[in-house]
Amino acid sequence: MLERLLIDENVSKDENIASILKLAKSICNDLLKDKIECDLLTYKYDFEEPMNELGLEEELITHLLEDYIYQVFSSYKNFNSILQSIKKSDSSEIETHVSDLKNLAHKNLGVARNLRIYDAQFLLTELMSNNTDVDYLKNCVEALMACAFKLNPPYAYGVLKLRQIKEKF
């Protein structure tokens, strides 16, 4: 998703957010449409569940979600680097790279589980599977980014904008 994403400086923040959100929904739907039994196509994050189960206020849940979004976006390059390594590896090296992928996914999975982010849990579990189909795994990473964006579009837009500025320097 981040590779396809360019913030258009000629349109407003709201227009950019709407455009990115449309792309995010499309990416999620494309990957998750075959997983209808998981009800992921209609999934919308609910603050009430982690608030009730963890005994936290919505403000703190919001802050934790923002941290999660930042963490997932920051992991993007690492995910892609590992996937490239899997793609280029011979059979003797694949296990090491798959292990690296599982470890990175596991780091993100704990937060997703605690905050009850079900689409992310599914995608991270897929990344932790023994699947070595790099195209499918890359689609899972793209969908993970898209699902993170959908959690809080204005915040995620700010993170993407900051990344874009940093990459210019």
Protein backbone atom coordinates (compact mmCIF):
# COMPACT_ATOMS: atom_id res chain seq x y z
CA MET A 1 0.00 0.00 0.00
CA LEU A 2 2.72 2.44 0.94
CA GLU A 3 4.42 1.83 -2.41
CA ARG A 4 1.23 2.80 -4.24
CA LEU A 5 0.50 5.71 -1.99
CA LEU A 6 1.41 9.23 -2.90
CA ILE A 7 -0.01 12.14 -0.98
CA ASP A 8 -1.16 14.69 -3.53
CA GLU A 9 0.01 18.12 -2.45
CA ASN A 10 -2.52 19.71 -4.83
CA VAL A 11 -5.58 18.52 -2.94
CA SER A 12 -6.76 19.04 0.60
CA LYS A 13 -5.96 16.80 3.55
CA ASP A 14 -9.58 15.61 3.63
CA GLU A 15 -9.48 14.70 -0.07
CA ASN A 16 -6.20 12.84 0.42
CA ILE A 17 -7.61 10.94 3.40
CA ALA A 18 -10.74 10.01 1.43
CA SER A 19 -8.63 8.79 -1.50
CA ILE A 20 -6.29 6.78 0.72
CA LEU A 21 -9.21 5.33 2.67
CA LYS A 22 -10.82 4.21 -0.60
CA LEU A 23 -7.54 2.53 -1.62
CA ALA A 24 -7.22 0.94 1.84
CA LYS A 25 -10.72 -0.51 1.68
CA SER A 26 -10.08 -1.83 -1.82
CA ILE A 27 -6.83 -3.53 -0.75
CA CYS A 28 -8.48 -5.13 2.29
CA ASN A 29 -11.51 -6.29 0.30
CA ASP A 30 -9.35 -7.77 -2.46
CA LEU A 31 -7.41 -9.95 -0.04
CA LEU A 32 -10.13 -10.73 2.47
CA LYS A 33 -12.99 -11.45 0.06
CA ASP A 34 -12.08 -15.13 0.10
CA LYS A 35 -12.16 -15.12 3.91
CA ILE A 36 -15.85 -14.27 4.27
CA GLU A 37 -16.25 -16.92 6.96
CA CYS A 38 -14.14 -14.65 9.15
CA ASP A 39 -16.57 -11.75 8.67
CA LEU A 40 -13.57 -9.59 7.87
CA LEU A 41 -15.17 -7.78 4.94
CA THR A 42 -17.68 -6.10 7.22
CA TYR A 43 -15.32 -5.74 10.18
CA LYS A 44 -15.20 -2.35 11.87
CA TYR A 45 -13.09 -1.75 14.94
CA ASP A 46 -15.08 -1.44 18.19
CA PHE A 47 -13.55 0.48 21.10
CA GLU A 48 -16.02 -1.04 23.56
CA GLU A 49 -14.53 -4.53 23.58
CA PRO A 50 -10.98 -3.60 24.68
CA MET A 51 -12.36 -0.89 26.96
CA ASN A 52 -14.55 -3.41 28.78
CA GLU A 53 -12.06 -6.28 28.79
CA LEU A 54 -8.99 -4.24 29.67
CA GLY A 55 -10.72 -1.66 31.85
CA LEU A 56 -9.21 1.23 29.89
CA GLU A 57 -10.74 4.52 28.83
CA GLU A 58 -11.38 5.31 25.16
CA GLU A 59 -8.70 8.01 25.19
CA LEU A 60 -6.04 5.49 26.20
CA ILE A 61 -7.30 2.94 23.66
CA THR A 62 -7.07 5.67 21.00
CA HIS A 63 -3.49 6.41 22.01
CA LEU A 64 -2.59 2.70 21.93
CA LEU A 65 -4.20 2.39 18.48
CA GLU A 66 -2.11 5.31 17.27
CA ASP A 67 1.02 3.62 18.60
CA TYR A 68 -0.02 0.43 16.83
CA ILE A 69 -0.59 2.27 13.52
CA TYR A 70 2.84 3.86 13.78
CA GLN A 71 4.42 0.50 14.65
CA VAL A 72 2.81 -1.26 11.67
CA PHE A 73 3.78 1.50 9.25
CA SER A 74 7.32 1.45 10.63
CA SER A 75 7.51 -2.31 10.07
CA TYR A 76 6.59 -2.01 6.39
CA LYS A 77 10.14 -1.79 5.03
CA ASN A 78 11.26 -4.68 7.25
CA PHE A 79 8.39 -6.87 6.05
CA ASN A 80 9.25 -6.13 2.42
CA SER A 81 12.96 -6.67 2.97
CA ILE A 82 12.30 -10.08 4.50
CA LEU A 83 9.91 -11.00 1.68
CA GLN A 84 12.55 -10.04 -0.89
CA SER A 85 15.03 -12.25 0.98
CA ILE A 86 12.59 -15.16 0.86
CA LYS A 87 12.06 -14.62 -2.85
CA LYS A 88 15.80 -14.57 -3.60
CA SER A 89 16.75 -17.40 -1.22
CA ASP A 90 17.67 -20.91 -2.11
CA SER A 91 15.97 -23.71 -0.22
CA SER A 92 18.61 -23.81 2.52
CA GLU A 93 18.07 -20.13 3.48
CA ILE A 94 14.29 -19.90 3.26
CA GLU A 95 13.69 -21.25 6.77
CA THR A 96 15.81 -18.48 8.30
CA HIS A 97 13.96 -15.74 6.42
CA VAL A 98 10.56 -17.27 7.16
CA SER A 99 11.57 -17.28 10.83
CA ASP A 100 12.46 -13.57 10.57
CA LEU A 101 9.04 -12.91 9.02
CA LYS A 102 7.29 -14.82 11.80
CA ASN A 103 9.20 -12.90 14.47
CA LEU A 104 8.31 -9.51 12.97
CA ALA A 105 4.66 -10.50 12.60
CA HIS A 106 4.62 -11.82 16.16
CA LYS A 107 5.87 -8.46 17.50
CA ASN A 108 2.88 -6.75 15.91
CA LEU A 109 0.42 -9.51 16.78
CA GLY A 110 0.59 -9.02 20.56
CA VAL A 111 -0.69 -5.47 20.33
CA ALA A 112 -3.36 -6.43 17.80
CA ARG A 113 -4.60 -9.15 20.13
CA ASN A 114 -4.62 -6.92 23.19
CA LEU A 115 -6.54 -4.20 21.37
CA ARG A 116 -8.87 -6.75 19.73
CA ILE A 117 -8.03 -5.70 16.16
CA TYR A 118 -9.42 -8.78 14.42
CA ASP A 119 -8.50 -8.08 10.80
CA ALA A 120 -4.89 -7.42 11.84
CA GLN A 121 -4.85 -10.60 13.92
CA PHE A 122 -5.92 -12.62 10.88
CA LEU A 123 -3.32 -10.99 8.60
CA LEU A 124 -0.48 -11.30 11.10
CA THR A 125 -1.37 -14.95 11.69
CA GLU A 126 -1.21 -15.48 7.93
CA LEU A 127 2.25 -13.88 7.92
CA MET A 128 3.28 -16.27 10.67
CA SER A 129 2.10 -19.34 8.76
CA ASN A 130 4.52 -21.57 6.91
CA ASN A 131 3.33 -20.16 3.59
CA THR A 132 6.24 -19.15 1.35
CA ASP A 133 4.12 -17.69 -1.47
CA VAL A 134 5.80 -14.28 -1.49
CA ASP A 135 3.07 -12.65 -3.59
CA TYR A 136 0.38 -13.74 -1.13
CA LEU A 137 2.48 -12.67 1.86
CA LYS A 138 3.15 -9.30 0.24
CA ASN A 139 -0.60 -8.89 -0.26
CA CYS A 140 -1.05 -9.66 3.45
CA VAL A 141 1.45 -6.91 4.33
CA GLU A 142 -0.34 -4.48 2.01
CA ALA A 143 -3.69 -5.37 3.59
CA LEU A 144 -2.17 -4.99 7.08
CA MET A 145 -1.12 -1.43 6.22
CA ALA A 146 -4.55 -0.72 4.76
CA CYS A 147 -6.33 -2.10 7.84
CA ALA A 148 -4.10 0.01 10.08
CA PHE A 149 -4.97 3.10 8.03
CA LYS A 150 -8.70 2.38 8.42
CA LEU A 151 -8.39 2.37 12.24
CA ASN A 152 -7.76 6.12 12.40
CA PRO A 153 -7.45 7.74 8.96
CA PRO A 154 -6.51 11.27 10.11
CA TYR A 155 -3.73 9.97 12.37
CA ALA A 156 -2.50 7.47 9.77
CA TYR A 157 -2.44 10.24 7.17
CA GLY A 158 -0.20 12.28 9.46
CA VAL A 159 2.18 9.32 9.85
CA LEU A 160 2.30 8.84 6.08
CA LYS A 161 2.84 12.56 5.51
CA LEU A 162 5.73 12.55 8.00
CA ARG A 163 7.28 9.50 6.28
CA GLN A 164 7.01 11.24 2.92
CA ILE A 165 8.75 14.34 4.28
CA LYS A 166 11.51 12.26 5.89
CA GLU A 167 12.14 10.36 2.65
CA LYS A 168 12.80 13.63 0.81
CA PHE A 169 15.79 14.31 3.05
